[in-house]
Protein backbone atom coordinates (compact mmCIF):
# COMPACT_ATOMS: atom_id res chain seq x y z
CA UNK A 1 -21.40 21.98 -4.89
CA UNK A 2 -18.39 24.27 -4.95
CA UNK A 3 -15.79 23.41 -7.58
CA UNK A 4 -13.02 22.82 -5.02
CA UNK A 5 -15.19 20.52 -2.95
CA UNK A 6 -16.26 18.61 -6.03
CA UNK A 7 -12.64 18.16 -7.10
CA UNK A 8 -11.68 16.86 -3.66
CA UNK A 9 -14.63 14.45 -3.71
CA UNK A 10 -13.43 13.12 -7.05
CA UNK A 11 -9.91 12.67 -5.71
CA UNK A 12 -11.18 10.80 -2.66
CA UNK A 13 -13.42 8.58 -4.77
CA UNK A 14 -10.43 7.74 -6.95
CA UNK A 15 -8.26 6.91 -3.93
CA UNK A 16 -11.04 4.71 -2.55
CA UNK A 17 -11.47 2.87 -5.85
CA UNK A 18 -7.75 2.53 -6.59
CA UNK A 19 -6.96 1.14 -3.15
CA UNK A 20 -9.93 -1.22 -3.39
CA UNK A 21 -8.57 -2.59 -6.68
CA UNK A 22 -5.18 -3.11 -5.03
CA UNK A 23 -6.71 -5.06 -2.15
CA UNK A 24 -9.01 -7.15 -4.35
CA UNK A 25 -5.95 -8.62 -6.04
CA UNK A 26 -3.55 -8.53 -3.09
CA UNK A 27 -5.72 -9.96 -0.33
CA UNK A 28 -7.50 -12.14 -2.88
CA UNK A 29 -4.30 -13.90 -3.92
CA UNK A 30 -3.26 -14.52 -0.31
CA UNK A 31 -6.68 -16.05 0.38
CA UNK A 32 -6.28 -18.26 -2.67
CA UNK A 33 -2.82 -19.46 -1.62
CA UNK A 34 -3.54 -19.92 2.10
CA UNK A 35 -7.12 -21.18 2.01
CA UNK A 36 -7.30 -22.73 -1.45
CA UNK A 37 -3.79 -24.12 -1.68
CA UNK A 38 -3.37 -22.66 -5.17
CA UNK A 39 -0.15 -20.75 -5.83
CA UNK A 40 2.86 -19.80 -3.72
CA UNK A 41 4.90 -16.82 -2.54
CA UNK A 42 5.79 -15.81 -6.09
CA UNK A 43 2.15 -15.64 -7.15
CA UNK A 44 1.47 -13.50 -4.07
CA UNK A 45 4.28 -11.09 -4.95
CA UNK A 46 3.19 -10.81 -8.57
CA UNK A 47 -0.51 -10.34 -7.79
CA UNK A 48 0.26 -7.56 -5.30
CA UNK A 49 2.43 -5.87 -7.92
CA UNK A 50 -0.24 -6.18 -10.59
CA UNK A 51 -2.80 -4.90 -8.10
CA UNK A 52 -0.67 -1.78 -7.71
CA UNK A 53 -0.46 -1.35 -11.49
CA UNK A 54 -4.23 -1.62 -11.93
CA UNK A 55 -4.97 0.54 -8.89
CA UNK A 56 -2.69 3.27 -10.20
CA UNK A 57 -4.37 3.17 -13.60
CA UNK A 58 -7.73 3.47 -11.85
CA UNK A 59 -6.93 6.58 -9.84
CA UNK A 60 -3.98 8.34 -11.45
CA UNK A 61 -5.81 10.95 -13.51
CA UNK A 62 -7.93 12.25 -10.62
CA UNK A 63 -5.76 11.88 -7.53
CA UNK A 64 -2.29 10.73 -8.54
CA UNK A 65 -3.09 7.27 -7.15
CA UNK A 66 -1.24 7.47 -3.87
CA UNK A 67 -3.12 4.39 -2.56
CA UNK A 68 -1.01 4.56 0.60
CA UNK A 69 -0.99 7.05 3.50
CA UNK A 70 2.81 6.77 3.66
CA UNK A 71 2.98 8.06 0.09
CA UNK A 72 0.51 10.85 0.83
CA UNK A 73 2.40 12.01 3.94
CA UNK A 74 5.75 11.91 2.12
CA UNK A 75 4.36 13.96 -0.79
CA UNK A 76 3.03 16.53 1.68
CA UNK A 77 6.34 16.68 3.54
CA UNK A 78 8.65 16.95 0.54
CA UNK A 79 6.68 17.74 -2.62
CA UNK A 80 4.16 20.39 -1.61
CA UNK A 81 1.07 18.19 -1.59
CA UNK A 82 -1.61 19.92 0.49
CA UNK A 83 -1.51 18.89 4.16
CA UNK A 84 -5.25 19.50 4.42
CA UNK A 85 -5.78 16.59 2.02
CA UNK A 86 -3.61 14.11 3.92
CA UNK A 87 -6.23 12.91 6.40
CA UNK A 88 -9.09 12.71 3.82
CA UNK A 89 -6.84 10.80 1.40
CA UNK A 90 -5.73 8.41 4.15
CA UNK A 91 -9.30 7.76 5.25
CA UNK A 92 -10.43 7.15 1.65
CA UNK A 93 -7.56 4.72 1.11
CA UNK A 94 -8.34 2.85 4.32
CA UNK A 95 -12.05 2.71 3.48
CA UNK A 96 -11.29 1.30 0.03
CA UNK A 97 -9.07 -1.37 1.56
CA UNK A 98 -11.73 -2.19 4.16
CA UNK A 99 -14.55 -2.64 1.65
CA UNK A 100 -12.43 -4.69 -0.74
CA UNK A 101 -11.28 -6.94 2.10
CA UNK A 102 -14.88 -7.52 3.12
CA UNK A 103 -15.61 -8.70 -0.41
CA UNK A 104 -12.65 -11.09 -0.34
CA UNK A 105 -13.70 -12.33 3.11
CA UNK A 106 -17.22 -13.04 1.86
CA UNK A 107 -16.10 -14.73 -1.33
CA UNK A 108 -13.59 -17.01 0.42
CA UNK A 109 -15.76 -17.65 3.48
CA UNK A 110 -16.32 -21.37 2.77
CA UNK A 111 -12.69 -22.30 2.18
CA UNK A 112 -11.46 -20.15 5.08
CA UNK A 113 -13.92 -21.93 7.39
CA UNK A 114 -12.75 -25.29 6.08
CA UNK A 115 -9.06 -24.59 6.60
CA UNK A 116 -9.44 -22.66 9.85
CA UNK A 117 -12.88 -23.11 11.47
CA UNK A 118 -11.97 -20.95 14.46
CA UNK A 119 -10.69 -18.07 12.31
CA UNK A 120 -7.40 -17.96 14.17
CA UNK A 121 -3.91 -16.67 13.50
CA UNK A 122 -3.56 -19.60 11.08
CA UNK A 123 -5.42 -17.62 8.38
CA UNK A 124 -5.32 -14.15 9.90
CA UNK A 125 -2.40 -13.39 7.61
CA UNK A 126 -4.75 -13.52 4.64
CA UNK A 127 -5.96 -10.07 5.61
CA UNK A 128 -3.22 -8.42 7.63
CA UNK A 129 0.43 -8.90 8.38
CA UNK A 130 2.16 -10.57 11.33
CA UNK A 131 5.77 -10.58 12.56
CA UNK A 132 7.60 -13.37 10.77
CA UNK A 133 4.37 -14.06 8.86
CA UNK A 134 3.04 -15.65 12.03
CA UNK A 135 5.56 -18.48 11.98
CA UNK A 136 9.15 -17.22 12.18
CA UNK A 137 10.90 -15.91 15.33
CA UNK A 138 10.54 -12.18 14.66
CA UNK A 139 9.55 -9.77 17.43
CA UNK A 140 7.36 -6.68 17.13
CA UNK A 141 10.46 -4.50 17.17
CA UNK A 142 12.04 -6.58 14.44
CA UNK A 143 8.88 -6.16 12.41
CA UNK A 144 8.87 -2.41 13.06
CA UNK A 145 12.46 -2.20 11.84
CA UNK A 146 11.49 -4.16 8.74
CA UNK A 147 8.54 -1.88 7.97
CA UNK A 148 10.66 1.23 8.32
CA UNK A 149 13.32 -0.13 5.97
CA UNK A 150 10.87 -1.58 3.44
CA UNK A 151 8.78 1.57 3.18
CA UNK A 152 11.92 3.72 2.97
CA UNK A 153 12.93 1.68 -0.07
CA UNK A 154 9.43 2.06 -1.52
CA UNK A 155 9.28 5.85 -1.16
CA UNK A 156 12.87 6.44 -2.20
CA UNK A 157 12.18 4.64 -5.47
CA UNK A 158 8.69 6.06 -5.99
CA UNK A 159 10.23 9.53 -5.76
CA UNK A 160 12.97 8.49 -8.19
CA UNK A 161 10.46 6.98 -10.64
CA UNK A 162 8.12 9.97 -10.49
CA UNK A 163 10.76 12.72 -10.66
CA UNK A 164 10.45 14.26 -14.11
CA UNK A 165 13.86 15.88 -13.70
CA UNK A 166 15.35 12.40 -13.41
CA UNK A 167 14.99 9.50 -15.89
CA UNK A 168 11.24 9.09 -15.31
CA UNK A 169 9.38 6.42 -17.31
CA UNK A 170 7.58 7.85 -20.31
CA UNK A 171 3.82 8.35 -20.47
CA UNK A 172 1.83 5.44 -19.04
CA UNK A 173 4.74 3.10 -18.31
CA UNK A 174 5.13 4.41 -14.77
CA UNK A 175 2.45 2.17 -13.18
CA UNK A 176 4.25 -0.92 -14.48
CA UNK A 177 7.54 0.24 -12.98
CA UNK A 178 5.91 0.97 -9.62
CA UNK A 179 4.22 -2.43 -9.76
CA UNK A 180 7.56 -4.12 -10.43
CA UNK A 181 8.97 -2.21 -7.47
CA UNK A 182 6.32 -3.75 -5.21
CA UNK A 183 7.01 -7.21 -6.66
CA UNK A 184 10.71 -6.75 -5.91
CA UNK A 185 10.03 -5.62 -2.34
CA UNK A 186 7.76 -8.61 -1.84
CA UNK A 187 10.41 -10.99 -3.10
CA UNK A 188 13.26 -9.43 -1.10
CA UNK A 189 11.61 -7.99 2.03
CA UNK A 190 8.66 -10.24 2.81
CA UNK A 191 10.07 -12.41 5.60
CA UNK A 192 10.08 -10.28 8.74
CA UNK A 193 6.69 -8.59 8.50
CA UNK A 194 4.91 -9.53 5.28
CA UNK A 195 5.81 -6.25 3.49
CA UNK A 196 2.67 -4.30 4.37
CA UNK A 197 4.54 -1.01 3.66
CA UNK A 198 1.14 0.69 3.62
CA UNK A 199 -1.01 1.57 6.68
CA UNK A 200 -4.27 1.48 4.69
CA UNK A 201 -3.45 -1.87 3.11
CA UNK A 202 -2.96 -3.41 6.54
CA UNK A 203 -5.46 -1.65 8.82
CA UNK A 204 -8.47 -1.72 6.47
CA UNK A 205 -8.37 -5.51 5.94
CA UNK A 206 -7.42 -6.05 9.58
CA UNK A 207 -10.57 -4.24 10.67
CA UNK A 208 -12.63 -6.17 8.10
CA UNK A 209 -11.36 -9.49 9.44
CA UNK A 210 -11.95 -8.44 13.04
CA UNK A 211 -15.63 -7.66 12.52
CA UNK A 212 -16.14 -10.92 10.58
CA UNK A 213 -14.89 -13.36 13.17
CA UNK A 214 -11.13 -12.94 13.61
CA UNK A 215 -11.08 -11.99 17.27
CA UNK A 216 -7.28 -11.85 17.41
CA UNK A 217 -6.94 -9.61 14.35
CA UNK A 218 -5.31 -6.75 16.23
CA UNK A 219 -2.77 -9.01 17.95
CA UNK A 220 0.19 -11.04 16.80
CA UNK A 221 0.89 -14.73 17.35
CA UNK A 222 2.43 -13.89 20.72
CA UNK A 223 -0.73 -12.18 21.94
CA UNK A 224 0.67 -8.65 21.86
CA UNK A 225 -1.08 -5.69 20.25
CA UNK A 226 0.44 -5.50 16.79
CA UNK A 227 -1.83 -3.42 14.56
CA UNK A 228 0.19 -0.26 15.20
CA UNK A 229 3.41 -1.64 13.69
CA UNK A 230 2.26 -1.62 10.01
CA UNK A 231 0.92 1.92 10.59
CA UNK A 232 3.78 3.60 12.44
CA UNK A 233 6.59 1.79 10.62
CA UNK A 234 5.53 2.76 7.09
CA UNK A 235 4.84 6.38 8.06
CA UNK A 236 8.34 6.71 9.54
CA UNK A 237 10.00 4.75 6.77
CA UNK A 238 8.24 6.70 4.04
CA UNK A 239 9.54 10.01 5.40
CA UNK A 240 13.05 8.59 5.70
CA UNK A 241 13.06 7.20 2.17
CA UNK A 242 11.62 10.34 0.60
CA UNK A 243 14.02 12.50 2.60
CA UNK A 244 17.01 10.43 1.51
CA UNK A 245 16.00 10.81 -2.13
CA UNK A 246 15.83 14.58 -1.70
CA UNK A 247 19.26 14.68 -0.04
CA UNK A 248 21.10 12.16 -2.20
CA UNK A 249 19.57 12.73 -5.63
CA UNK A 250 16.93 15.42 -6.10
CA UNK A 251 18.96 18.40 -4.91
CA UNK A 252 21.60 17.69 -7.53
CA UNK A 253 19.21 17.44 -10.48
CA UNK A 254 18.63 20.39 -12.83
CA UNK A 255 15.56 22.40 -11.86
CA UNK A 256 12.56 22.85 -14.11
CA UNK A 257 8.88 23.60 -13.71
CA UNK A 258 6.85 20.55 -12.77
CA UNK A 259 3.11 19.92 -12.26
CA UNK A 260 1.56 19.82 -8.80
CA UNK A 261 2.81 16.68 -7.03
CA UNK A 262 0.38 13.82 -6.93
CA UNK A 263 -1.65 15.06 -9.89
CA UNK A 264 -1.76 14.20 -13.58
CA UNK A 265 -1.57 17.48 -15.55
CA UNK A 266 -2.71 16.39 -19.00
CA UNK A 267 -4.31 13.24 -20.42
CA UNK A 268 -1.36 12.79 -22.79
CA UNK A 269 1.22 12.60 -20.00
CA UNK A 270 1.46 10.85 -16.68
CA UNK A 271 3.15 11.95 -13.50
CA UNK A 272 3.66 8.70 -11.56
CA UNK A 273 3.39 9.91 -7.99
CA UNK A 274 1.91 6.86 -6.44
CA UNK A 275 1.19 3.20 -5.97
CA UNK A 276 1.92 0.94 -2.98
CA UNK A 277 1.35 -2.21 -1.55
CA UNK A 278 2.09 -5.10 -0.08
């Protein structure tokens, strides 16, 4: 196998594994709260954030641990990440989310069936997001607005945290800071659309739930097709947030040589280019 192809395979495997770790904790905690009645919104926010931390640690050395197509697209648009890797990375992230969600679905099958025998919108939110979390009066367009804003915040701050010309966290502290960022977004921006802020995080589990009995998985509580909102919104929002960081902060920072974006140059240092959730 050619060296370049082998390197790309390693990067994709890392993105798959890192995103799977994220979903195991993120979707797992929602299943525990909704179906098992254990925990609350705060435990959901913290578990998603810790899932990001652990997912980043899993994948950072090989791929930069994007774990989110919105991060990958923003890095390609503003940081020189290879455009030819964007689709493979996004597919690997979505596949990791899909497989992890299947595992959660299997493990929580008994309690999900007990709470919601028909596998309806009542527990659909365990796997994928809904406008107003399936209960509040938020429209698709309101949810789209929310996803654009939430992901803009995510990417603006990921770029700030990972910019070595700025006050970047030292060594391996970066995953904790990115994880805290996701916790903060969950606590402040979770009402209107469940803070997916990540197309892979939403579509992979949505597909997993659809093929395991959730016939309405691609629709919202109003019956409208909804799956596109947590895909389009984060992609737009990520570009806006990353672009705003470049305009408002990065162009004023002193210039210095930096490693390739999205990669970890040496084992002794860490370039925190990634992590997402929600």
